[in-house]
């Protein structure tokens, strides 16, 4: 991670696919582990770090799902890809 709170980020994606009552079921679990480069000792600093890092983790979720799922699945779950331009 770069920026005001540099450190390391580990993304883990688990996808389970199976059939239930003749319907395809897909379950996805995304987890992120952010390890800051320097300790965050106070509650105030921890809250500031979370406020800054959480939007980045949300973008990571969207990006990971967009890389894994087809356009049809993304449309079904309401995760549309914004076109740049």
PDB file of N, CA and C in Angstrom:
ATOM      1  N   UNK A   1       0.850  -1.171   0.000  1.00  0.00           N
ATOM      2  CA  UNK A   1       0.000   0.000   0.000  1.00  0.00           C
ATOM      3  C   UNK A   1       0.893   1.231   0.000  1.00  0.00           C
ATOM      4  N   UNK A   2       0.490   2.206  -0.756  1.00  0.00           N
ATOM      5  CA  UNK A   2       1.200   3.477  -0.812  1.00  0.00           C
ATOM      6  C   UNK A   2       0.324   4.556  -0.197  1.00  0.00           C
ATOM      7  N   UNK A   3       0.872   5.740  -0.086  1.00  0.00           N
ATOM      8  CA  UNK A   3       0.088   6.853   0.422  1.00  0.00           C
ATOM      9  C   UNK A   3       0.426   7.185   1.853  1.00  0.00           C
ATOM     10  N   UNK A   4      -0.549   7.779   2.532  1.00  0.00           N
ATOM     11  CA  UNK A   4      -0.334   8.237   3.903  1.00  0.00           C
ATOM     12  C   UNK A   4      -0.109   7.078   4.874  1.00  0.00           C
ATOM     13  N   UNK A   5      -0.658   5.904   4.567  1.00  0.00           N
ATOM     14  CA  UNK A   5      -0.547   4.727   5.438  1.00  0.00           C
ATOM     15  C   UNK A   5       0.120   3.587   4.671  1.00  0.00           C
ATOM     16  N   UNK A   6       1.418   3.706   4.381  1.00  0.00           N
ATOM     17  CA  UNK A   6       2.080   2.656   3.605  1.00  0.00           C
ATOM     18  C   UNK A   6       2.151   1.339   4.377  1.00  0.00           C
ATOM     19  N   UNK A   7       2.177   0.276   3.627  1.00  0.00           N
ATOM     20  CA  UNK A   7       2.266  -1.050   4.233  1.00  0.00           C
ATOM     21  C   UNK A   7       2.030  -2.120   3.195  1.00  0.00           C
ATOM     22  N   UNK A   8       1.631  -3.281   3.655  1.00  0.00           N
ATOM     23  CA  UNK A   8       1.382  -4.424   2.776  1.00  0.00           C
ATOM     24  C   UNK A   8      -0.093  -4.788   2.783  1.00  0.00           C
ATOM     25  N   UNK A   9      -0.544  -5.304   1.650  1.00  0.00           N
ATOM     26  CA  UNK A   9      -1.929  -5.723   1.518  1.00  0.00           C
ATOM     27  C   UNK A   9      -1.962  -7.134   0.954  1.00  0.00           C
ATOM     28  N   UNK A  10      -2.659  -8.030   1.639  1.00  0.00           N
ATOM     29  CA  UNK A  10      -2.857  -9.393   1.175  1.00  0.00           C
ATOM     30  C   UNK A  10      -4.332  -9.568   0.849  1.00  0.00           C
ATOM     31  N   UNK A  11      -4.630  -9.923  -0.409  1.00  0.00           N
ATOM     32  CA  UNK A  11      -5.991 -10.179  -0.849  1.00  0.00           C
ATOM     33  C   UNK A  11      -6.180 -11.686  -0.987  1.00  0.00           C
ATOM     34  N   UNK A  12      -7.280 -12.194  -0.466  1.00  0.00           N
ATOM     35  CA  UNK A  12      -7.599 -13.610  -0.577  1.00  0.00           C
ATOM     36  C   UNK A  12      -9.001 -13.734  -1.159  1.00  0.00           C
ATOM     37  N   UNK A  13      -9.126 -14.529  -2.235  1.00  0.00           N
ATOM     38  CA  UNK A  13     -10.419 -14.730  -2.885  1.00  0.00           C
ATOM     39  C   UNK A  13     -10.726 -16.221  -2.895  1.00  0.00           C
ATOM     40  N   UNK A  14     -11.860 -16.596  -2.319  1.00  0.00           N
ATOM     41  CA  UNK A  14     -12.349 -17.970  -2.358  1.00  0.00           C
ATOM     42  C   UNK A  14     -13.654 -17.984  -3.129  1.00  0.00           C
ATOM     43  N   UNK A  15     -13.727 -18.850  -4.143  1.00  0.00           N
ATOM     44  CA  UNK A  15     -14.938 -18.994  -4.949  1.00  0.00           C
ATOM     45  C   UNK A  15     -15.382 -20.444  -4.868  1.00  0.00           C
ATOM     46  N   UNK A  16     -16.623 -20.656  -4.452  1.00  0.00           N
ATOM     47  CA  UNK A  16     -17.222 -21.992  -4.406  1.00  0.00           C
ATOM     48  C   UNK A  16     -18.350 -22.043  -5.426  1.00  0.00           C
ATOM     49  N   UNK A  17     -18.348 -23.093  -6.238  1.00  0.00           N
ATOM     50  CA  UNK A  17     -19.375 -23.276  -7.257  1.00  0.00           C
ATOM     51  C   UNK A  17     -19.982 -24.659  -7.070  1.00  0.00           C
ATOM     52  N   UNK A  18     -21.301 -24.720  -7.101  1.00  0.00           N
ATOM     53  CA  UNK A  18     -21.985 -25.996  -6.980  1.00  0.00           C
ATOM     54  C   UNK A  18     -23.411 -25.881  -7.444  1.00  0.00           C
ATOM     55  N   UNK A  19     -24.062 -27.010  -7.561  1.00  0.00           N
ATOM     56  CA  UNK A  19     -25.459 -27.034  -7.975  1.00  0.00           C
ATOM     57  C   UNK A  19     -26.337 -27.381  -6.782  1.00  0.00           C
ATOM     58  N   UNK A  20     -27.441 -26.663  -6.644  1.00  0.00           N
ATOM     59  CA  UNK A  20     -28.418 -26.906  -5.589  1.00  0.00           C
ATOM     60  C   UNK A  20     -29.798 -26.858  -6.227  1.00  0.00           C
ATOM     61  N   UNK A  21     -30.524 -27.961  -6.165  1.00  0.00           N
ATOM     62  CA  UNK A  21     -31.853 -28.045  -6.784  1.00  0.00           C
ATOM     63  C   UNK A  21     -31.810 -27.664  -8.264  1.00  0.00           C
ATOM     64  N   UNK A  22     -30.823 -28.163  -8.947  1.00  0.00           N
ATOM     65  CA  UNK A  22     -30.626 -27.949 -10.389  1.00  0.00           C
ATOM     66  C   UNK A  22     -30.370 -26.489 -10.757  1.00  0.00           C
ATOM     67  N   UNK A  23     -29.880 -25.705  -9.801  1.00  0.00           N
ATOM     68  CA  UNK A  23     -29.500 -24.319 -10.069  1.00  0.00           C
ATOM     69  C   UNK A  23     -28.053 -24.123  -9.652  1.00  0.00           C
ATOM     70  N   UNK A  24     -27.319 -23.444 -10.494  1.00  0.00           N
ATOM     71  CA  UNK A  24     -25.917 -23.162 -10.202  1.00  0.00           C
ATOM     72  C   UNK A  24     -25.831 -22.143  -9.078  1.00  0.00           C
ATOM     73  N   UNK A  25     -25.028 -22.424  -8.071  1.00  0.00           N
ATOM     74  CA  UNK A  25     -24.815 -21.536  -6.929  1.00  0.00           C
ATOM     75  C   UNK A  25     -23.341 -21.128  -6.908  1.00  0.00           C
ATOM     76  N   UNK A  26     -23.086 -19.849  -6.767  1.00  0.00           N
ATOM     77  CA  UNK A  26     -21.720 -19.344  -6.679  1.00  0.00           C
ATOM     78  C   UNK A  26     -21.595 -18.543  -5.394  1.00  0.00           C
ATOM     79  N   UNK A  27     -20.650 -18.916  -4.573  1.00  0.00           N
ATOM     80  CA  UNK A  27     -20.370 -18.172  -3.345  1.00  0.00           C
ATOM     81  C   UNK A  27     -18.959 -17.624  -3.402  1.00  0.00           C
ATOM     82  N   UNK A  28     -18.810 -16.383  -3.060  1.00  0.00           N
ATOM     83  CA  UNK A  28     -17.498 -15.739  -3.112  1.00  0.00           C
ATOM     84  C   UNK A  28     -17.201 -15.070  -1.782  1.00  0.00           C
ATOM     85  N   UNK A  29     -15.996 -15.283  -1.279  1.00  0.00           N
ATOM     86  CA  UNK A  29     -15.557 -14.651  -0.040  1.00  0.00           C
ATOM     87  C   UNK A  29     -14.239 -13.938  -0.339  1.00  0.00           C
ATOM     88  N   UNK A  30     -14.235 -12.626  -0.154  1.00  0.00           N
ATOM     89  CA  UNK A  30     -13.023 -11.839  -0.321  1.00  0.00           C
ATOM     90  C   UNK A  30     -12.592 -11.324   1.040  1.00  0.00           C
ATOM     91  N   UNK A  31     -11.323 -11.484   1.346  1.00  0.00           N
ATOM     92  CA  UNK A  31     -10.786 -10.927   2.581  1.00  0.00           C
ATOM     93  C   UNK A  31      -9.524 -10.140   2.249  1.00  0.00           C
ATOM     94  N   UNK A  32      -9.300  -9.102   3.021  1.00  0.00           N
ATOM     95  CA  UNK A  32      -8.123  -8.269   2.860  1.00  0.00           C
ATOM     96  C   UNK A  32      -7.422  -8.163   4.208  1.00  0.00           C
ATOM     97  N   UNK A  33      -6.120  -8.270   4.174  1.00  0.00           N
ATOM     98  CA  UNK A  33      -5.336  -8.044   5.394  1.00  0.00           C
ATOM     99  C   UNK A  33      -4.368  -6.906   5.099  1.00  0.00           C
ATOM    100  N   UNK A  34      -4.587  -5.797   5.775  1.00  0.00           N
ATOM    101  CA  UNK A  34      -3.711  -4.632   5.631  1.00  0.00           C
ATOM    102  C   UNK A  34      -2.770  -4.594   6.828  1.00  0.00           C
ATOM    103  N   UNK A  35      -1.480  -4.562   6.540  1.00  0.00           N
ATOM    104  CA  UNK A  35      -0.468  -4.454   7.585  1.00  0.00           C
ATOM    105  C   UNK A  35       0.276  -3.148   7.361  1.00  0.00           C
ATOM    106  N   UNK A  36       0.127  -2.233   8.310  1.00  0.00           N
ATOM    107  CA  UNK A  36       0.758  -0.926   8.165  1.00  0.00           C
ATOM    108  C   UNK A  36       2.260  -1.029   8.411  1.00  0.00           C
ATOM    109  N   UNK A  37       3.018  -0.184   7.712  1.00  0.00           N
ATOM    110  CA  UNK A  37       4.469  -0.198   7.827  1.00  0.00           C
ATOM    111  C   UNK A  37       4.982   0.280   9.171  1.00  0.00           C
ATOM    112  N   UNK A  38       4.188   1.115   9.836  1.00  0.00           N
ATOM    113  CA  UNK A  38       4.546   1.581  11.182  1.00  0.00           C
ATOM    114  C   UNK A  38       3.348   1.337  12.098  1.00  0.00           C
ATOM    115  N   UNK A  39       3.588   1.103  13.369  1.00  0.00           N
ATOM    116  CA  UNK A  39       2.483   0.827  14.290  1.00  0.00           C
ATOM    117  C   UNK A  39       1.513   2.005  14.408  1.00  0.00           C
ATOM    118  N   UNK A  40       0.253   1.671  14.607  1.00  0.00           N
ATOM    119  CA  UNK A  40      -0.794   2.658  14.839  1.00  0.00           C
ATOM    120  C   UNK A  40      -1.194   2.489  16.300  1.00  0.00           C
ATOM    121  N   UNK A  41      -0.674   3.349  17.165  1.00  0.00           N
ATOM    122  CA  UNK A  41      -0.792   3.128  18.607  1.00  0.00           C
ATOM    123  C   UNK A  41      -2.041   3.695  19.239  1.00  0.00           C
ATOM    124  N   UNK A  42      -2.553   4.788  18.728  1.00  0.00           N
ATOM    125  CA  UNK A  42      -3.686   5.420  19.404  1.00  0.00           C
ATOM    126  C   UNK A  42      -4.991   5.129  18.662  1.00  0.00           C
ATOM    127  N   UNK A  43      -6.082   5.267  19.384  1.00  0.00           N
ATOM    128  CA  UNK A  43      -7.387   5.063  18.775  1.00  0.00           C
ATOM    129  C   UNK A  43      -7.640   6.100  17.686  1.00  0.00           C
ATOM    130  N   UNK A  44      -7.202   7.325  17.911  1.00  0.00           N
ATOM    131  CA  UNK A  44      -7.402   8.384  16.922  1.00  0.00           C
ATOM    132  C   UNK A  44      -6.687   8.058  15.625  1.00  0.00           C
ATOM    133  N   UNK A  45      -5.431   7.600  15.733  1.00  0.00           N
ATOM    134  CA  UNK A  45      -4.665   7.231  14.528  1.00  0.00           C
ATOM    135  C   UNK A  45      -5.272   6.003  13.855  1.00  0.00           C
ATOM    136  N   UNK A  46      -5.745   5.060  14.648  1.00  0.00           N
ATOM    137  CA  UNK A  46      -6.364   3.862  14.073  1.00  0.00           C
ATOM    138  C   UNK A  46      -7.616   4.244  13.286  1.00  0.00           C
ATOM    139  N   UNK A  47      -8.434   5.119  13.843  1.00  0.00           N
ATOM    140  CA  UNK A  47      -9.650   5.551  13.159  1.00  0.00           C
ATOM    141  C   UNK A  47      -9.314   6.323  11.884  1.00  0.00           C
ATOM    142  N   UNK A  48      -8.292   7.162  11.944  1.00  0.00           N
ATOM    143  CA  UNK A  48      -7.867   7.901  10.752  1.00  0.00           C
ATOM    144  C   UNK A  48      -7.375   6.942   9.677  1.00  0.00           C
ATOM    145  N   UNK A  49      -6.599   5.950  10.072  1.00  0.00           N
ATOM    146  CA  UNK A  49      -6.086   4.966   9.115  1.00  0.00           C
ATOM    147  C   UNK A  49      -7.232   4.200   8.471  1.00  0.00           C
ATOM    148  N   UNK A  50      -8.196   3.779   9.270  1.00  0.00           N
ATOM    149  CA  UNK A  50      -9.337   3.039   8.729  1.00  0.00           C
ATOM    150  C   UNK A  50     -10.158   3.898   7.774  1.00  0.00           C
ATOM    151  N   UNK A  51     -10.380   5.165   8.131  1.00  0.00           N
ATOM    152  CA  UNK A  51     -11.130   6.061   7.247  1.00  0.00           C
ATOM    153  C   UNK A  51     -10.432   6.208   5.900  1.00  0.00           C
ATOM    154  N   UNK A  52      -9.104   6.228   5.894  1.00  0.00           N
ATOM    155  CA  UNK A  52      -8.357   6.388   4.645  1.00  0.00           C
ATOM    156  C   UNK A  52      -8.231   5.086   3.862  1.00  0.00           C
ATOM    157  N   UNK A  53      -8.081   3.974   4.539  1.00  0.00           N
ATOM    158  CA  UNK A  53      -7.794   2.701   3.874  1.00  0.00           C
ATOM    159  C   UNK A  53      -9.069   1.980   3.413  1.00  0.00           C
ATOM    160  N   UNK A  54     -10.161   2.115   4.133  1.00  0.00           N
ATOM    161  CA  UNK A  54     -11.377   1.377   3.791  1.00  0.00           C
ATOM    162  C   UNK A  54     -11.878   1.640   2.366  1.00  0.00           C
ATOM    163  N   UNK A  55     -11.892   2.879   1.873  1.00  0.00           N
ATOM    164  CA  UNK A  55     -12.321   3.075   0.478  1.00  0.00           C
ATOM    165  C   UNK A  55     -11.425   2.330  -0.518  1.00  0.00           C
ATOM    166  N   UNK A  56     -10.129   2.272  -0.246  1.00  0.00           N
ATOM    167  CA  UNK A  56      -9.223   1.537  -1.118  1.00  0.00           C
ATOM    168  C   UNK A  56      -9.553   0.044  -1.092  1.00  0.00           C
ATOM    169  N   UNK A  57      -9.869  -0.501   0.080  1.00  0.00           N
ATOM    170  CA  UNK A  57     -10.238  -1.907   0.181  1.00  0.00           C
ATOM    171  C   UNK A  57     -11.555  -2.180  -0.559  1.00  0.00           C
ATOM    172  N   UNK A  58     -12.473  -1.239  -0.512  1.00  0.00           N
ATOM    173  CA  UNK A  58     -13.735  -1.373  -1.247  1.00  0.00           C
ATOM    174  C   UNK A  58     -13.469  -1.436  -2.756  1.00  0.00           C
ATOM    175  N   UNK A  59     -12.556  -0.577  -3.235  1.00  0.00           N
ATOM    176  CA  UNK A  59     -12.184  -0.610  -4.655  1.00  0.00           C
ATOM    177  C   UNK A  59     -11.513  -1.932  -5.002  1.00  0.00           C
ATOM    178  N   UNK A  60     -10.694  -2.465  -4.084  1.00  0.00           N
ATOM    179  CA  UNK A  60     -10.056  -3.762  -4.301  1.00  0.00           C
ATOM    180  C   UNK A  60     -11.108  -4.857  -4.469  1.00  0.00           C
ATOM    181  N   UNK A  61     -12.150  -4.828  -3.635  1.00  0.00           N
ATOM    182  CA  UNK A  61     -13.241  -5.800  -3.752  1.00  0.00           C
ATOM    183  C   UNK A  61     -13.865  -5.751  -5.137  1.00  0.00           C
ATOM    184  N   UNK A  62     -14.232  -4.552  -5.565  1.00  0.00           N
ATOM    185  CA  UNK A  62     -14.870  -4.394  -6.869  1.00  0.00           C
ATOM    186  C   UNK A  62     -13.955  -4.878  -7.991  1.00  0.00           C
ATOM    187  N   UNK A  63     -12.703  -4.491  -7.936  1.00  0.00           N
ATOM    188  CA  UNK A  63     -11.750  -4.881  -8.969  1.00  0.00           C
ATOM    189  C   UNK A  63     -11.574  -6.394  -9.027  1.00  0.00           C
ATOM    190  N   UNK A  64     -11.483  -7.034  -7.866  1.00  0.00           N
ATOM    191  CA  UNK A  64     -11.310  -8.484  -7.819  1.00  0.00           C
ATOM    192  C   UNK A  64     -12.530  -9.188  -8.398  1.00  0.00           C
ATOM    193  N   UNK A  65     -13.719  -8.745  -8.021  1.00  0.00           N
ATOM    194  CA  UNK A  65     -14.935  -9.362  -8.545  1.00  0.00           C
ATOM    195  C   UNK A  65     -15.056  -9.154 -10.046  1.00  0.00           C
ATOM    196  N   UNK A  66     -14.683  -7.976 -10.531  1.00  0.00           N
ATOM    197  CA  UNK A  66     -14.743  -7.709 -11.961  1.00  0.00           C
ATOM    198  C   UNK A  66     -13.773  -8.589 -12.735  1.00  0.00           C
ATOM    199  N   UNK A  67     -12.664  -8.964 -12.113  1.00  0.00           N
ATOM    200  CA  UNK A  67     -11.681  -9.830 -12.767  1.00  0.00           C
ATOM    201  C   UNK A  67     -12.125 -11.288 -12.780  1.00  0.00           C
ATOM    202  N   UNK A  68     -12.954 -11.676 -11.809  1.00  0.00           N
ATOM    203  CA  UNK A  68     -13.335 -13.084 -11.658  1.00  0.00           C
ATOM    204  C   UNK A  68     -14.636 -13.409 -12.389  1.00  0.00           C
ATOM    205  N   UNK A  69     -15.631 -12.535 -12.302  1.00  0.00           N
ATOM    206  CA  UNK A  69     -16.965 -12.847 -12.815  1.00  0.00           C
ATOM    207  C   UNK A  69     -17.172 -12.359 -14.242  1.00  0.00           C
ATOM    208  N   UNK A  70     -18.080 -13.015 -14.925  1.00  0.00           N
ATOM    209  CA  UNK A  70     -18.464 -12.607 -16.278  1.00  0.00           C
ATOM    210  C   UNK A  70     -19.329 -11.356 -16.202  1.00  0.00           C
ATOM    211  N   UNK A  71     -19.513 -10.722 -17.362  1.00  0.00           N
ATOM    212  CA  UNK A  71     -20.351  -9.522 -17.421  1.00  0.00           C
ATOM    213  C   UNK A  71     -21.778  -9.836 -16.980  1.00  0.00           C
ATOM    214  N   UNK A  72     -22.287 -11.030 -17.320  1.00  0.00           N
ATOM    215  CA  UNK A  72     -23.650 -11.405 -16.936  1.00  0.00           C
ATOM    216  C   UNK A  72     -23.784 -11.519 -15.422  1.00  0.00           C
ATOM    217  N   UNK A  73     -22.802 -12.109 -14.763  1.00  0.00           N
ATOM    218  CA  UNK A  73     -22.845 -12.235 -13.303  1.00  0.00           C
ATOM    219  C   UNK A  73     -22.717 -10.861 -12.660  1.00  0.00           C
ATOM    220  N   UNK A  74     -21.813 -10.033 -13.173  1.00  0.00           N
ATOM    221  CA  UNK A  74     -21.655  -8.679 -12.632  1.00  0.00           C
ATOM    222  C   UNK A  74     -22.956  -7.892 -12.740  1.00  0.00           C
ATOM    223  N   UNK A  75     -23.654  -8.031 -13.868  1.00  0.00           N
ATOM    224  CA  UNK A  75     -24.933  -7.336 -14.042  1.00  0.00           C
ATOM    225  C   UNK A  75     -25.964  -7.866 -13.053  1.00  0.00           C
ATOM    226  N   UNK A  76     -25.959  -9.188 -12.829  1.00  0.00           N
ATOM    227  CA  UNK A  76     -26.949  -9.785 -11.933  1.00  0.00           C
ATOM    228  C   UNK A  76     -26.771  -9.305 -10.494  1.00  0.00           C
ATOM    229  N   UNK A  77     -25.513  -9.080 -10.067  1.00  0.00           N
ATOM    230  CA  UNK A  77     -25.272  -8.629  -8.693  1.00  0.00           C
ATOM    231  C   UNK A  77     -25.199  -7.103  -8.586  1.00  0.00           C
ATOM    232  N   UNK A  78     -25.395  -6.417  -9.722  1.00  0.00           N
ATOM    233  CA  UNK A  78     -25.423  -4.956  -9.707  1.00  0.00           C
ATOM    234  C   UNK A  78     -24.053  -4.304  -9.603  1.00  0.00           C
ATOM    235  N   UNK A  79     -23.023  -5.006 -10.046  1.00  0.00           N
ATOM    236  CA  UNK A  79     -21.675  -4.439 -10.020  1.00  0.00           C
ATOM    237  C   UNK A  79     -21.277  -4.098 -11.448  1.00  0.00           C
ATOM    238  N   UNK A  80     -21.570  -2.866 -11.840  1.00  0.00           N
ATOM    239  CA  UNK A  80     -21.285  -2.448 -13.200  1.00  0.00           C
ATOM    240  C   UNK A  80     -19.898  -1.845 -13.286  1.00  0.00           C
ATOM    241  N   UNK A  81     -19.305  -1.978 -14.444  1.00  0.00           N
ATOM    242  CA  UNK A  81     -17.975  -1.436 -14.695  1.00  0.00           C
ATOM    243  C   UNK A  81     -18.146  -0.038 -15.256  1.00  0.00           C
ATOM    244  N   UNK A  82     -17.529   0.946 -14.590  1.00  0.00           N
ATOM    245  CA  UNK A  82     -17.602   2.315 -15.088  1.00  0.00           C
ATOM    246  C   UNK A  82     -16.651   2.464 -16.260  1.00  0.00           C
ATOM    247  N   UNK A  83     -17.162   3.056 -17.334  1.00  0.00           N
ATOM    248  CA  UNK A  83     -16.351   3.299 -18.516  1.00  0.00           C
ATOM    249  C   UNK A  83     -15.579   4.594 -18.332  1.00  0.00           C
ATOM    250  N   UNK A  84     -14.285   4.547 -18.643  1.00  0.00           N
ATOM    251  CA  UNK A  84     -13.463   5.757 -18.537  1.00  0.00           C
ATOM    252  C   UNK A  84     -13.632   6.555 -19.820  1.00  0.00           C
ATOM    253  N   UNK A  85     -13.569   7.879 -19.672  1.00  0.00           N
ATOM    254  CA  UNK A  85     -13.659   8.647 -20.894  1.00  0.00           C
ATOM    255  C   UNK A  85     -14.047  10.035 -20.689  1.00  0.00           C
TER     256      UNK A  85
END
